[in-house]
C-alpha atoms as a PDB file:
ATOM      1  CA  UNK A   1     102.602  60.626 106.030  1.00  0.00           C
ATOM      2  CA  UNK A   2     106.168  60.971 105.289  1.00  0.00           C
ATOM      3  CA  UNK A   3     107.364  64.888 105.778  1.00  0.00           C
ATOM      4  CA  UNK A   4     107.326  65.523 102.613  1.00  0.00           C
ATOM      5  CA  UNK A   5     103.759  64.846 101.831  1.00  0.00           C
ATOM      6  CA  UNK A   6     102.965  67.193 104.226  1.00  0.00           C
ATOM      7  CA  UNK A   7     101.216  69.981 102.574  1.00  0.00           C
ATOM      8  CA  UNK A   8     103.441  73.285 102.238  1.00  0.00           C
ATOM      9  CA  UNK A   9     102.501  76.506 104.453  1.00  0.00           C
ATOM     10  CA  UNK A  10     102.906  79.407 102.745  1.00  0.00           C
ATOM     11  CA  UNK A  11     105.227  81.906 103.664  1.00  0.00           C
ATOM     12  CA  UNK A  12     102.918  84.882 104.098  1.00  0.00           C
ATOM     13  CA  UNK A  13     104.057  88.071 105.360  1.00  0.00           C
ATOM     14  CA  UNK A  14     107.745  87.262 107.052  1.00  0.00           C
ATOM     15  CA  UNK A  15     108.902  85.056 103.773  1.00  0.00           C
ATOM     16  CA  UNK A  16     108.061  88.420 101.637  1.00  0.00           C
ATOM     17  CA  UNK A  17     109.964  90.668 104.358  1.00  0.00           C
ATOM     18  CA  UNK A  18     112.573  88.786 104.244  1.00  0.00           C
ATOM     19  CA  UNK A  19     112.912  88.202 100.887  1.00  0.00           C
ATOM     20  CA  UNK A  20     112.463  92.164 100.443  1.00  0.00           C
ATOM     21  CA  UNK A  21     115.092  92.315 103.235  1.00  0.00           C
ATOM     22  CA  UNK A  22     117.449  90.800 101.163  1.00  0.00           C
ATOM     23  CA  UNK A  23     117.175  91.841  97.928  1.00  0.00           C
ATOM     24  CA  UNK A  24     117.570  95.644  99.412  1.00  0.00           C
ATOM     25  CA  UNK A  25     120.855  94.873 101.455  1.00  0.00           C
ATOM     26  CA  UNK A  26     122.362  93.215  98.366  1.00  0.00           C
ATOM     27  CA  UNK A  27     121.224  96.123  96.314  1.00  0.00           C
ATOM     28  CA  UNK A  28     122.573  98.277  98.633  1.00  0.00           C
ATOM     29  CA  UNK A  29     125.897  96.826  98.693  1.00  0.00           C
ATOM     30  CA  UNK A  30     125.633  96.099  95.078  1.00  0.00           C
ATOM     31  CA  UNK A  31     125.405 100.431  94.661  1.00  0.00           C
ATOM     32  CA  UNK A  32     128.463 100.678  97.124  1.00  0.00           C
ATOM     33  CA  UNK A  33     130.581  98.406  95.155  1.00  0.00           C
ATOM     34  CA  UNK A  34     130.139  99.822  92.338  1.00  0.00           C
ATOM     35  CA  UNK A  35     130.551 103.113  93.304  1.00  0.00           C
ATOM     36  CA  UNK A  36     133.509 102.635  95.098  1.00  0.00           C
ATOM     37  CA  UNK A  37     135.518 100.110  92.904  1.00  0.00           C
ATOM     38  CA  UNK A  38     133.734 100.176  89.445  1.00  0.00           C
ATOM     39  CA  UNK A  39     135.044 104.471  88.666  1.00  0.00           C
ATOM     40  CA  UNK A  40     138.403 102.872  87.945  1.00  0.00           C
ATOM     41  CA  UNK A  41     138.780 104.294  83.788  1.00  0.00           C
ATOM     42  CA  UNK A  42     138.249 102.327  80.794  1.00  0.00           C
ATOM     43  CA  UNK A  43     136.851  98.361  80.741  1.00  0.00           C
ATOM     44  CA  UNK A  44     138.135  97.596  84.211  1.00  0.00           C
ATOM     45  CA  UNK A  45     135.750 100.179  85.792  1.00  0.00           C
ATOM     46  CA  UNK A  46     133.298  98.927  83.100  1.00  0.00           C
ATOM     47  CA  UNK A  47     133.551  95.338  84.122  1.00  0.00           C
ATOM     48  CA  UNK A  48     133.752  95.786  88.094  1.00  0.00           C
ATOM     49  CA  UNK A  49     130.460  98.148  88.120  1.00  0.00           C
ATOM     50  CA  UNK A  50     128.621  94.792  85.273  1.00  0.00           C
ATOM     51  CA  UNK A  51     130.083  91.732  87.647  1.00  0.00           C
ATOM     52  CA  UNK A  52     128.123  94.054  90.988  1.00  0.00           C
ATOM     53  CA  UNK A  53     124.997  94.351  89.035  1.00  0.00           C
ATOM     54  CA  UNK A  54     124.842  90.989  87.877  1.00  0.00           C
ATOM     55  CA  UNK A  55     125.529  89.306  91.160  1.00  0.00           C
ATOM     56  CA  UNK A  56     122.670  91.526  92.409  1.00  0.00           C
ATOM     57  CA  UNK A  57     120.438  90.544  89.843  1.00  0.00           C
ATOM     58  CA  UNK A  58     121.443  86.824  90.258  1.00  0.00           C
ATOM     59  CA  UNK A  59     120.767  87.361  94.607  1.00  0.00           C
ATOM     60  CA  UNK A  60     117.532  88.819  93.575  1.00  0.00           C
ATOM     61  CA  UNK A  61     116.369  86.590  91.411  1.00  0.00           C
ATOM     62  CA  UNK A  62     117.021  83.734  93.437  1.00  0.00           C
ATOM     63  CA  UNK A  63     115.436  85.507  96.165  1.00  0.00           C
ATOM     64  CA  UNK A  64     112.034  86.027  93.994  1.00  0.00           C
ATOM     65  CA  UNK A  65     112.327  81.933  93.034  1.00  0.00           C
ATOM     66  CA  UNK A  66     112.545  80.815  96.815  1.00  0.00           C
ATOM     67  CA  UNK A  67     109.529  83.525  97.691  1.00  0.00           C
ATOM     68  CA  UNK A  68     107.755  82.216  94.758  1.00  0.00           C
ATOM     69  CA  UNK A  69     107.765  78.878  95.588  1.00  0.00           C
ATOM     70  CA  UNK A  70     106.210  79.328  98.625  1.00  0.00           C
ATOM     71  CA  UNK A  71     103.516  81.260  98.008  1.00  0.00           C
ATOM     72  CA  UNK A  72     100.235  79.288  97.617  1.00  0.00           C
ATOM     73  CA  UNK A  73      98.553  79.203  94.300  1.00  0.00           C
ATOM     74  CA  UNK A  74      95.784  81.847  94.469  1.00  0.00           C
ATOM     75  CA  UNK A  75      98.864  84.276  95.044  1.00  0.00           C
ATOM     76  CA  UNK A  76     100.439  83.257  91.981  1.00  0.00           C
ATOM     77  CA  UNK A  77      97.442  83.325  90.313  1.00  0.00           C
ATOM     78  CA  UNK A  78      96.707  86.689  90.941  1.00  0.00           C
ATOM     79  CA  UNK A  79     100.775  88.150  90.635  1.00  0.00           C
ATOM     80  CA  UNK A  80     100.737  86.572  87.333  1.00  0.00           C
ATOM     81  CA  UNK A  81      97.417  88.457  86.535  1.00  0.00           C
ATOM     82  CA  UNK A  82      98.744  92.189  87.528  1.00  0.00           C
ATOM     83  CA  UNK A  83     102.021  91.622  85.673  1.00  0.00           C
ATOM     84  CA  UNK A  84     100.219  90.692  82.828  1.00  0.00           C
ATOM     85  CA  UNK A  85      97.450  93.382  82.792  1.00  0.00           C
ATOM     86  CA  UNK A  86      98.732  95.951  85.145  1.00  0.00           C
ATOM     87  CA  UNK A  87     101.877  95.714  83.418  1.00  0.00           C
ATOM     88  CA  UNK A  88     101.073  95.427  80.159  1.00  0.00           C
ATOM     89  CA  UNK A  89      98.830  98.446  81.014  1.00  0.00           C
ATOM     90  CA  UNK A  90     101.330 100.895  82.622  1.00  0.00           C
ATOM     91  CA  UNK A  91     104.100  99.993  79.719  1.00  0.00           C
ATOM     92  CA  UNK A  92     100.652 101.457  77.361  1.00  0.00           C
ATOM     93  CA  UNK A  93     100.254 104.367  79.579  1.00  0.00           C
ATOM     94  CA  UNK A  94     104.421 105.115  80.057  1.00  0.00           C
ATOM     95  CA  UNK A  95     104.532 104.690  76.104  1.00  0.00           C
ATOM     96  CA  UNK A  96     101.687 106.929  75.141  1.00  0.00           C
ATOM     97  CA  UNK A  97     104.068 109.337  77.595  1.00  0.00           C
ATOM     98  CA  UNK A  98     107.134 108.898  76.033  1.00  0.00           C
ATOM     99  CA  UNK A  99     105.279 108.598  72.138  1.00  0.00           C
ATOM    100  CA  UNK A 100     103.813 112.098  73.194  1.00  0.00           C
ATOM    101  CA  UNK A 101     106.715 114.059  74.249  1.00  0.00           C
ATOM    102  CA  UNK A 102     109.078 112.638  71.801  1.00  0.00           C
ATOM    103  CA  UNK A 103     106.505 112.899  68.666  1.00  0.00           C
ATOM    104  CA  UNK A 104     106.060 116.819  68.809  1.00  0.00           C
ATOM    105  CA  UNK A 105     107.412 120.037  66.899  1.00  0.00           C
ATOM    106  CA  UNK A 106     109.197 121.754  69.492  1.00  0.00           C
ATOM    107  CA  UNK A 107     112.464 120.921  70.156  1.00  0.00           C
ATOM    108  CA  UNK A 108     112.001 120.721  73.655  1.00  0.00           C
ATOM    109  CA  UNK A 109     108.418 120.239  74.747  1.00  0.00           C
ATOM    110  CA  UNK A 110     109.199 119.822  78.359  1.00  0.00           C
ATOM    111  CA  UNK A 111     111.703 122.552  80.320  1.00  0.00           C
ATOM    112  CA  UNK A 112     114.850 120.501  81.470  1.00  0.00           C
ATOM    113  CA  UNK A 113     116.649 121.453  84.807  1.00  0.00           C
ATOM    114  CA  UNK A 114     119.979 120.740  85.586  1.00  0.00           C
ATOM    115  CA  UNK A 115     121.694 120.530  82.257  1.00  0.00           C
ATOM    116  CA  UNK A 116     120.694 116.514  81.844  1.00  0.00           C
ATOM    117  CA  UNK A 117     122.726 114.468  79.829  1.00  0.00           C
ATOM    118  CA  UNK A 118     121.677 111.509  77.134  1.00  0.00           C
ATOM    119  CA  UNK A 119     122.292 109.141  79.564  1.00  0.00           C
ATOM    120  CA  UNK A 120     120.133 110.990  82.765  1.00  0.00           C
ATOM    121  CA  UNK A 121     117.280 110.763  80.225  1.00  0.00           C
ATOM    122  CA  UNK A 122     117.138 107.957  78.868  1.00  0.00           C
ATOM    123  CA  UNK A 123     117.805 106.134  82.997  1.00  0.00           C
ATOM    124  CA  UNK A 124     114.512 108.794  83.467  1.00  0.00           C
ATOM    125  CA  UNK A 125     112.455 107.750  80.753  1.00  0.00           C
ATOM    126  CA  UNK A 126     113.662 104.022  81.769  1.00  0.00           C
ATOM    127  CA  UNK A 127     112.560 104.427  85.354  1.00  0.00           C
ATOM    128  CA  UNK A 128     109.204 106.440  84.268  1.00  0.00           C
ATOM    129  CA  UNK A 129     108.060 103.335  82.320  1.00  0.00           C
ATOM    130  CA  UNK A 130     109.148 100.798  84.969  1.00  0.00           C
ATOM    131  CA  UNK A 131     106.807 103.197  87.560  1.00  0.00           C
ATOM    132  CA  UNK A 132     104.044 103.083  85.335  1.00  0.00           C
ATOM    133  CA  UNK A 133     104.596  99.695  85.598  1.00  0.00           C
ATOM    134  CA  UNK A 134     104.544  98.955  88.927  1.00  0.00           C
ATOM    135  CA  UNK A 135     101.710 101.135  89.616  1.00  0.00           C
ATOM    136  CA  UNK A 136      99.296  99.391  87.021  1.00  0.00           C
ATOM    137  CA  UNK A 137     100.495  96.229  88.763  1.00  0.00           C
ATOM    138  CA  UNK A 138      99.900  97.135  91.864  1.00  0.00           C
ATOM    139  CA  UNK A 139      96.347  98.177  90.783  1.00  0.00           C
ATOM    140  CA  UNK A 140      95.555  95.187  89.055  1.00  0.00           C
ATOM    141  CA  UNK A 141      97.103  92.760  91.831  1.00  0.00           C
ATOM    142  CA  UNK A 142      94.683  94.498  94.366  1.00  0.00           C
ATOM    143  CA  UNK A 143      91.612  94.472  91.978  1.00  0.00           C
ATOM    144  CA  UNK A 144      92.275  90.785  91.427  1.00  0.00           C
ATOM    145  CA  UNK A 145      92.224  90.090  94.923  1.00  0.00           C
ATOM    146  CA  UNK A 146      88.900  92.782  95.877  1.00  0.00           C
ATOM    147  CA  UNK A 147      87.033  90.367  92.960  1.00  0.00           C
ATOM    148  CA  UNK A 148      88.038  86.762  94.336  1.00  0.00           C
ATOM    149  CA  UNK A 149      87.565  87.699  97.940  1.00  0.00           C
END
């Protein structure tokens, strides 16, 4: 049996932890770099910020791809199932909250604090939907594993 014929051992918790650490470190560096160098006026600040964020996303994507290739088929199926059902369900819940709050007759259905401007409100909405998706994903992933034990 040659080296390439050996069955691949799943990455396990160590591989997951390594992926998460690399991703967090790169995200921190991108955030710091964007804050320090991206505050230039005009287009140059926008380009620098976009470059830092793009590099961070590329590294994060590469780390996820490396991790994905190292997990076994059952783990892949659990993640695919959880993203489809949990992520879609979470996005639907976020959509219901968004539509409920945005289609009200009152100009301000919820009290705002701190004088939030349009970009802050937009970012909060994106974050809220992502959190609903992640919560749905986590619940669906746990449910998949409990069902397939």
